[in-house]
C-alpha cells in the first residue's frame, strides 16, 4: 500500500491510503520522486492537506492512532486486543470507512464509501468494500476513476463537496475542531 501524509497546522495527521497515479497527478506530485518531508511553511502544508481531504483522505487524531488501526486491520493481535478489550477507543465511522473520490473533467465529484471489514467494529454489515477496488489504482485519469466508481463501486455524483453529508473527512477542513477521541495531536511548533 502507498500512503501520502499531510501534517495540518491544527494538529493530527491526514493520510491518503492506497494512493494511485491519479492521486499523485491531482496533488501535483512527482510519482517517481515524491517528496519525503512536509512543506516547511504551514500555510503550504495546510493547502496540501486540503487537497488530500478532497481525495478521501482521513484526518486522524495522531500518527499513533492511524498506526494502531492500520495494524489492527493487518491482524496484529496486540492492536486488535487493545480495541476489543476497550483499552483503546472503538474506531469511529470516519476512521473505519473506506472512501474513494474522483474529480471528473465534466465537473462535480464522484464518491464511493463503504464500511471496512475490521472485525468486531463494522456497523453496516451489508455494505462492505467491493473486492475489486484495487483496480482503481490502475485508472489513468480521474474520468476513468469516476466511471469505475459509478459502474463497479456504487459511486454517487455530487455537484460539489457541500452536497456531501456522509462519514468521510472531505468537508472536515471547515468543520473539524477536535479529534475523534479528544484533542488533535500537535505536529507544528
Protein backbone atom coordinates (compact mmCIF):
# COMPACT_ATOMS: atom_id res chain seq x y z
CA UNK A 1 0.00 0.00 0.00
CA UNK A 2 1.10 3.54 -0.71
CA UNK A 3 0.33 6.29 1.80
CA UNK A 4 0.51 10.06 1.37
CA UNK A 5 0.71 12.06 4.60
CA UNK A 6 -0.21 15.65 5.41
CA UNK A 7 0.52 17.46 8.67
CA UNK A 8 -2.12 20.17 9.23
CA UNK A 9 -1.23 23.12 11.44
CA UNK A 10 -4.33 22.40 13.56
CA UNK A 11 -2.85 19.05 14.55
CA UNK A 12 -3.29 15.39 13.83
CA UNK A 13 -2.26 13.77 10.57
CA UNK A 14 -4.11 13.41 7.28
CA UNK A 15 -3.46 10.15 5.42
CA UNK A 16 -4.48 9.08 1.94
CA UNK A 17 -4.27 5.28 1.78
CA UNK A 18 -3.80 3.27 -1.41
CA UNK A 19 -2.76 6.29 -3.46
CA UNK A 20 -2.66 5.81 -7.21
CA UNK A 21 -1.40 7.66 -10.26
CA UNK A 22 -4.40 9.97 -10.47
CA UNK A 23 -3.95 10.97 -6.82
CA UNK A 24 -0.36 12.00 -7.46
CA UNK A 25 -1.45 13.97 -10.53
CA UNK A 26 -4.27 15.69 -8.61
CA UNK A 27 -1.82 16.67 -5.87
CA UNK A 28 0.84 17.83 -8.33
CA UNK A 29 3.37 15.29 -7.01
CA UNK A 30 6.07 13.51 -8.98
CA UNK A 31 5.13 9.81 -8.82
CA UNK A 32 8.71 8.64 -9.23
CA UNK A 33 10.27 11.14 -6.82
CA UNK A 34 7.60 12.05 -4.26
CA UNK A 35 8.55 14.48 -1.51
CA UNK A 36 9.93 12.82 1.61
CA UNK A 37 9.11 15.67 4.00
CA UNK A 38 6.27 18.07 4.59
CA UNK A 39 6.36 21.67 3.43
CA UNK A 40 8.42 23.91 5.70
CA UNK A 41 5.68 26.55 5.57
CA UNK A 42 2.49 25.57 7.46
CA UNK A 43 0.29 27.56 5.04
CA UNK A 44 1.57 25.48 2.11
CA UNK A 45 1.18 22.27 4.11
CA UNK A 46 -2.39 23.23 5.05
CA UNK A 47 -3.23 23.79 1.36
CA UNK A 48 -1.76 20.37 0.58
CA UNK A 49 -3.81 18.82 3.40
CA UNK A 50 -6.99 20.32 1.99
CA UNK A 51 -6.24 18.71 -1.39
CA UNK A 52 -5.64 15.36 0.34
CA UNK A 53 -9.06 15.57 2.00
CA UNK A 54 -10.66 16.17 -1.41
CA UNK A 55 -9.34 12.73 -2.43
CA UNK A 56 -10.96 10.97 0.52
CA UNK A 57 -8.01 11.03 2.92
CA UNK A 58 -8.74 10.57 6.63
CA UNK A 59 -7.88 13.08 9.34
CA UNK A 60 -6.51 11.12 12.29
CA UNK A 61 -6.06 12.42 15.84
CA UNK A 62 -2.41 11.32 15.72
CA UNK A 63 0.04 9.18 13.79
CA UNK A 64 -0.15 6.68 16.67
CA UNK A 65 -3.93 6.29 16.24
CA UNK A 66 -3.53 5.75 12.49
CA UNK A 67 -0.81 3.14 13.12
CA UNK A 68 -2.93 1.34 15.73
CA UNK A 69 -5.89 0.90 13.38
CA UNK A 70 -3.68 0.05 10.41
CA UNK A 71 -2.00 -2.68 12.46
CA UNK A 72 -5.41 -3.93 13.65
CA UNK A 73 -6.54 -4.12 10.03
CA UNK A 74 -3.40 -6.15 9.28
CA UNK A 75 -4.33 -8.59 12.07
CA UNK A 76 -1.71 -7.54 14.62
CA UNK A 77 -3.01 -9.32 17.71
CA UNK A 78 -1.91 -6.74 20.29
CA UNK A 79 -3.66 -3.93 18.43
CA UNK A 80 -6.83 -5.95 17.98
CA UNK A 81 -6.81 -6.91 21.64
CA UNK A 82 -6.47 -3.27 22.73
CA UNK A 83 -9.55 -2.37 20.67
CA UNK A 84 -11.62 -5.39 21.63
CA UNK A 85 -10.80 -5.11 25.35
CA UNK A 86 -11.56 -1.40 25.38
CA UNK A 87 -8.09 -0.19 26.37
CA UNK A 88 -8.17 1.83 23.13
CA UNK A 89 -11.31 3.62 21.89
CA UNK A 90 -13.51 1.80 19.38
CA UNK A 91 -12.95 3.01 15.79
CA UNK A 92 -15.30 5.79 14.74
CA UNK A 93 -17.16 5.69 11.43
CA UNK A 94 -14.77 8.22 9.89
CA UNK A 95 -11.82 6.04 10.98
CA UNK A 96 -13.41 2.83 9.67
CA UNK A 97 -14.87 3.87 6.35
CA UNK A 98 -13.16 3.28 3.00
CA UNK A 99 -13.60 6.27 0.72
CA UNK A 100 -12.59 6.94 -2.87
CA UNK A 101 -13.19 10.19 -4.74
CA UNK A 102 -12.88 11.19 -8.40
CA UNK A 103 -12.98 14.68 -9.87
CA UNK A 104 -14.11 14.15 -13.49
CA UNK A 105 -13.37 16.72 -16.20
CA UNK A 106 -17.14 17.26 -16.62
CA UNK A 107 -17.25 18.84 -13.14
CA UNK A 108 -18.51 17.83 -9.75
CA UNK A 109 -17.23 14.77 -7.96
CA UNK A 110 -17.96 11.07 -7.77
CA UNK A 111 -17.58 9.32 -4.46
CA UNK A 112 -17.95 5.80 -3.09
CA UNK A 113 -17.76 4.87 0.58
CA UNK A 114 -18.08 1.59 2.42
CA UNK A 115 -17.61 0.23 5.89
CA UNK A 116 -14.40 -1.75 6.26
CA UNK A 117 -14.09 -5.31 7.42
CA UNK A 118 -12.31 -4.55 10.69
CA UNK A 119 -13.72 -7.49 12.68
CA UNK A 120 -15.92 -6.58 15.57
CA UNK A 121 -16.28 -2.95 14.59
CA UNK A 122 -18.18 -2.86 11.30
CA UNK A 123 -21.62 -1.39 11.83
CA UNK A 124 -23.04 -1.67 8.29
CA UNK A 125 -22.51 -5.36 7.53
CA UNK A 126 -24.43 -5.14 4.24
CA UNK A 127 -22.12 -2.58 2.61
CA UNK A 128 -18.52 -3.76 2.74
CA UNK A 129 -15.81 -2.61 0.35
CA UNK A 130 -16.15 -4.35 -3.04
CA UNK A 131 -13.48 -6.97 -3.67
CA UNK A 132 -12.01 -5.40 -6.79
CA UNK A 133 -11.27 -1.86 -5.57
CA UNK A 134 -7.55 -2.43 -6.19
CA UNK A 135 -8.38 -1.88 -9.88
CA UNK A 136 -8.99 1.78 -9.06
CA UNK A 137 -5.22 2.21 -8.80
CA UNK A 138 -4.99 1.25 -12.49
CA UNK A 139 -7.09 4.20 -13.62
CA UNK A 140 -5.09 6.60 -15.79
CA UNK A 141 -7.36 9.60 -15.26
CA UNK A 142 -9.99 10.99 -12.94
CA UNK A 143 -12.56 10.35 -15.68
CA UNK A 144 -11.67 6.63 -15.68
CA UNK A 145 -11.81 6.55 -11.88
CA UNK A 146 -15.21 8.27 -11.89
CA UNK A 147 -16.57 5.74 -14.39
CA UNK A 148 -15.25 2.81 -12.36
CA UNK A 149 -16.65 4.23 -9.11
CA UNK A 150 -20.07 4.60 -10.75
CA UNK A 151 -20.08 1.26 -12.59
CA UNK A 152 -18.40 -1.06 -10.09
CA UNK A 153 -18.42 0.61 -6.68
CA UNK A 154 -21.84 2.18 -6.28
CA UNK A 155 -20.41 5.68 -6.53
CA UNK A 156 -22.62 8.74 -6.20
CA UNK A 157 -22.36 12.04 -8.07
CA UNK A 158 -22.23 15.39 -6.24
CA UNK A 159 -22.10 18.88 -7.72
CA UNK A 160 -19.62 19.93 -5.03
CA UNK A 161 -18.41 18.88 -1.58
CA UNK A 162 -21.10 20.91 0.18
CA UNK A 163 -23.72 18.38 -1.04
CA UNK A 164 -21.95 15.53 0.74
CA UNK A 165 -23.02 14.60 4.28
CA UNK A 166 -21.55 11.13 4.85
CA UNK A 167 -18.81 9.79 7.09
CA UNK A 168 -15.76 10.81 5.06
CA UNK A 169 -13.49 13.71 6.03
CA UNK A 170 -13.94 15.53 2.71
CA UNK A 171 -15.68 18.52 4.38
CA UNK A 172 -13.69 18.39 7.58
CA UNK A 173 -11.27 21.25 6.86
CA UNK A 174 -14.08 23.69 7.60
CA UNK A 175 -15.90 21.60 10.20
CA UNK A 176 -13.23 19.80 12.26
CA UNK A 177 -12.24 21.46 15.53
CA UNK A 178 -11.18 18.40 17.56
CA UNK A 179 -10.13 14.82 17.09
CA UNK A 180 -12.45 11.82 17.13
CA UNK A 181 -11.13 10.88 20.58
CA UNK A 182 -10.14 14.23 22.08
CA UNK A 183 -7.58 16.78 21.00
CA UNK A 184 -5.66 16.62 17.76
CA UNK A 185 -2.00 15.88 18.46
CA UNK A 186 0.09 18.98 17.80
CA UNK A 187 2.51 18.48 14.91
CA UNK A 188 3.79 22.05 14.35
CA UNK A 189 5.79 24.00 16.91
